Amino acid sequence: MRVDPVPSFGISFYYTLWFSGCPSCPILQLKPMNYQTAQDYAAPTLPTILLVEDFDDTRLMMKMWLVKNGYRVIEAETGAEAINIAQRELPDLIIMDVMMPGMNGLDATQRIREYQALRRTPIVAVSAYGADEYRSLAIDAGCNEYVSTPFDPNALAELIKHLISERESSGINALPSDLEN
């Protein structure tokens, strides 16, 4: 084996294979490969979820569950931080804790909805308060759905898939000009 640097490409690997004659062996039919770059083999982009939760343990548990389910997760601990991260990252979905110190999740949702690029980003409010009153407050603030804890993980997984696929099928793509109010 030999490894050579290739300017502007990276590294070339050369292998010498020795084998005894077998004209019908598949190895004899191998053809040299053209130059390939890492971009040629880029992994598919994972949907991004902004997870907004002030309790570290809850946020860690949710993050691990979301990553296991195939999502890229970015985190925020406060409503104000959620607004800044959402503007910068343009996530595919936001999971928003309702009750947080300082700016609560409903106020943060209203502020996020002020930005054109985020107006149609699905937001799922999550709270320990299961009353219908809280659900209607979340919907009125701009959330797409309200989930009370403890929740059924399978139901939440289906809800997330549905909201992301609905967003993708509607062809929503943020343009740089959308970043303005």
Protein backbone atom coordinates (compact mmCIF):
# COMPACT_ATOMS: atom_id res chain seq x y z
CA MET A 1 0.00 0.00 0.00
CA ARG A 2 1.17 3.50 -0.78
CA VAL A 3 -0.34 6.83 0.30
CA ASP A 4 0.44 10.01 -1.66
CA PRO A 5 -0.73 13.55 -1.02
CA VAL A 6 -2.59 15.05 -3.98
CA PRO A 7 -2.67 18.87 -4.01
CA SER A 8 -6.20 20.29 -4.01
CA PHE A 9 -7.70 16.79 -3.55
CA GLY A 10 -6.36 15.23 -0.36
CA ILE A 11 -4.74 11.80 -0.36
CA SER A 12 -4.51 8.97 -2.92
CA PHE A 13 -4.31 5.39 -1.75
CA TYR A 14 -2.61 2.75 -3.92
CA TYR A 15 -2.89 -0.95 -3.26
CA THR A 16 -1.00 -3.83 -4.82
CA LEU A 17 -2.85 -7.12 -4.67
CA TRP A 18 -1.06 -10.41 -5.35
CA PHE A 19 -3.05 -13.50 -6.14
CA SER A 20 -2.59 -16.68 -8.09
CA GLY A 21 -4.27 -17.11 -11.46
CA CYS A 22 -8.01 -17.49 -11.51
CA PRO A 23 -9.38 -15.92 -14.72
CA SER A 24 -12.99 -16.17 -13.57
CA CYS A 25 -12.38 -14.61 -10.12
CA PRO A 26 -14.34 -11.39 -9.51
CA ILE A 27 -11.22 -9.59 -8.33
CA LEU A 28 -9.85 -9.66 -11.85
CA GLN A 29 -12.82 -7.63 -13.01
CA LEU A 30 -12.10 -4.71 -10.67
CA LYS A 31 -11.63 -1.40 -12.42
CA PRO A 32 -9.62 1.58 -11.16
CA MET A 33 -11.69 4.17 -9.36
CA ASN A 34 -11.75 7.81 -10.38
CA TYR A 35 -10.81 10.47 -7.90
CA GLN A 36 -13.55 10.86 -5.29
CA THR A 37 -13.87 13.53 -2.68
CA ALA A 38 -15.45 13.42 0.76
CA GLN A 39 -18.31 15.55 -0.60
CA ASP A 40 -19.14 12.74 -3.02
CA TYR A 41 -19.96 10.60 -0.01
CA ALA A 42 -21.60 13.20 2.22
CA ALA A 43 -24.16 11.82 4.62
CA PRO A 44 -27.73 12.98 4.19
CA THR A 45 -28.59 16.06 6.19
CA LEU A 46 -30.57 15.28 9.32
CA PRO A 47 -33.62 17.37 10.17
CA THR A 48 -32.71 19.93 12.83
CA ILE A 49 -34.74 20.33 16.00
CA LEU A 50 -34.27 23.25 18.38
CA LEU A 51 -34.93 21.91 21.88
CA VAL A 52 -35.81 24.65 24.36
CA GLU A 53 -35.82 23.45 27.98
CA ASP A 54 -34.49 25.06 31.15
CA PHE A 55 -33.92 21.84 33.16
CA ASP A 56 -30.59 20.22 32.25
CA ASP A 57 -31.70 16.65 33.03
CA THR A 58 -34.90 16.93 30.98
CA ARG A 59 -33.05 18.58 28.09
CA LEU A 60 -30.36 15.86 28.10
CA MET A 61 -32.95 13.07 28.14
CA MET A 62 -34.94 14.68 25.31
CA LYS A 63 -31.80 15.35 23.29
CA MET A 64 -30.65 11.73 23.57
CA TRP A 65 -34.12 10.51 22.54
CA LEU A 66 -34.25 12.88 19.54
CA VAL A 67 -30.72 11.98 18.37
CA LYS A 68 -31.60 8.28 18.66
CA ASN A 69 -34.62 9.00 16.45
CA GLY A 70 -32.46 10.54 13.72
CA TYR A 71 -32.47 14.27 14.38
CA ARG A 72 -29.75 16.88 14.72
CA VAL A 73 -30.48 18.67 17.99
CA ILE A 74 -29.52 22.19 18.97
CA GLU A 75 -30.33 23.42 22.46
CA ALA A 76 -31.48 26.53 24.25
CA GLU A 77 -32.07 27.02 27.98
CA THR A 78 -34.07 30.25 27.85
CA GLY A 79 -36.69 31.90 25.68
CA ALA A 80 -34.29 34.69 24.66
CA GLU A 81 -31.62 32.17 23.70
CA ALA A 82 -34.22 30.21 21.70
CA ILE A 83 -35.07 33.30 19.64
CA ASN A 84 -31.41 33.95 18.78
CA ILE A 85 -30.64 30.34 17.92
CA ALA A 86 -33.82 29.95 15.86
CA GLN A 87 -32.91 33.02 13.78
CA ARG A 88 -29.37 31.76 13.22
CA GLU A 89 -30.06 28.05 12.63
CA LEU A 90 -33.54 28.06 11.00
CA PRO A 91 -34.47 24.67 12.52
CA ASP A 92 -36.94 22.30 10.91
CA LEU A 93 -38.95 22.11 14.15
CA ILE A 94 -38.87 23.64 17.63
CA ILE A 95 -39.81 21.87 20.85
CA MET A 96 -40.62 24.66 23.31
CA ASP A 97 -40.93 24.29 27.07
CA VAL A 98 -43.81 26.51 28.21
CA MET A 99 -42.71 27.36 31.74
CA MET A 100 -39.23 28.86 31.95
CA PRO A 101 -37.78 31.62 34.13
CA GLY A 102 -37.52 35.00 32.45
CA MET A 103 -39.17 34.84 29.05
CA ASN A 104 -41.56 31.88 28.99
CA GLY A 105 -42.01 29.62 25.99
CA LEU A 106 -45.23 31.26 24.81
CA ASP A 107 -43.64 34.72 24.71
CA ALA A 108 -40.60 33.27 22.92
CA THR A 109 -42.92 31.60 20.39
CA GLN A 110 -44.65 34.91 19.65
CA ARG A 111 -41.27 36.59 19.11
CA ILE A 112 -40.06 33.74 16.87
CA ARG A 113 -43.20 34.08 14.74
CA GLU A 114 -42.30 37.74 14.05
CA TYR A 115 -39.52 36.57 11.70
CA GLN A 116 -40.61 35.71 8.18
CA ALA A 117 -38.22 32.77 7.88
CA LEU A 118 -39.65 31.21 11.05
CA ARG A 119 -43.36 31.89 10.64
CA ARG A 120 -44.10 28.43 9.31
CA THR A 121 -41.54 26.47 11.33
CA PRO A 122 -43.49 23.94 13.40
CA ILE A 123 -43.39 24.63 17.14
CA VAL A 124 -44.52 22.02 19.66
CA ALA A 125 -45.20 23.37 23.15
CA VAL A 126 -44.37 20.95 25.97
CA SER A 127 -45.57 21.40 29.53
CA ALA A 128 -46.51 19.50 32.65
CA TYR A 129 -49.79 21.42 32.69
CA GLY A 130 -52.29 19.24 30.89
CA ALA A 131 -55.32 21.53 31.03
CA ASP A 132 -57.08 22.49 27.81
CA GLU A 133 -56.58 26.12 28.83
CA TYR A 134 -52.80 25.80 28.41
CA ARG A 135 -53.23 24.08 25.06
CA SER A 136 -55.33 26.95 23.73
CA LEU A 137 -52.84 29.51 25.10
CA ALA A 138 -50.02 27.69 23.27
CA ILE A 139 -51.98 27.55 20.01
CA ASP A 140 -52.92 31.24 20.35
CA ALA A 141 -49.22 32.09 20.88
CA GLY A 142 -48.32 30.44 17.56
CA CYS A 143 -47.52 26.83 18.49
CA ASN A 144 -48.68 24.14 16.08
CA GLU A 145 -49.32 21.61 18.80
CA TYR A 146 -49.30 21.17 22.57
CA VAL A 147 -48.02 18.06 24.37
CA SER A 148 -48.37 17.58 28.11
CA THR A 149 -45.85 15.57 30.09
CA PRO A 150 -45.51 12.76 30.67
CA PHE A 151 -46.05 12.05 26.98
CA ASP A 152 -46.19 8.91 24.89
CA PRO A 153 -42.82 8.78 23.07
CA ASN A 154 -44.33 7.01 20.06
CA ALA A 155 -47.05 9.65 19.73
CA LEU A 156 -44.49 12.47 19.98
CA ALA A 157 -42.25 10.75 17.42
CA GLU A 158 -45.17 10.51 14.99
CA LEU A 159 -46.15 14.13 15.61
CA ILE A 160 -42.60 15.34 14.92
CA LYS A 161 -42.35 13.27 11.72
CA HIS A 162 -45.74 14.53 10.57
CA LEU A 163 -44.97 18.21 11.22
CA ILE A 164 -41.55 18.05 9.55
CA SER A 165 -42.83 16.17 6.50
CA GLU A 166 -45.76 18.60 6.22
CA ARG A 167 -43.31 21.50 6.29
CA GLU A 168 -41.05 19.85 3.68
CA SER A 169 -43.93 18.98 1.37
CA SER A 170 -45.14 22.57 1.41
CA GLY A 171 -41.78 23.62 -0.07
CA ILE A 172 -40.90 26.05 2.69
CA ASN A 173 -37.34 27.26 2.25
CA ALA A 174 -35.95 30.31 3.94
CA LEU A 175 -34.20 32.84 1.76
CA PRO A 176 -31.64 35.31 3.11
CA SER A 177 -34.18 38.11 2.61
CA ASP A 178 -36.58 36.18 4.87
CA LEU A 179 -34.33 36.80 7.85
CA GLU A 180 -35.67 40.32 8.12
CA ASN A 181 -38.93 41.02 9.97
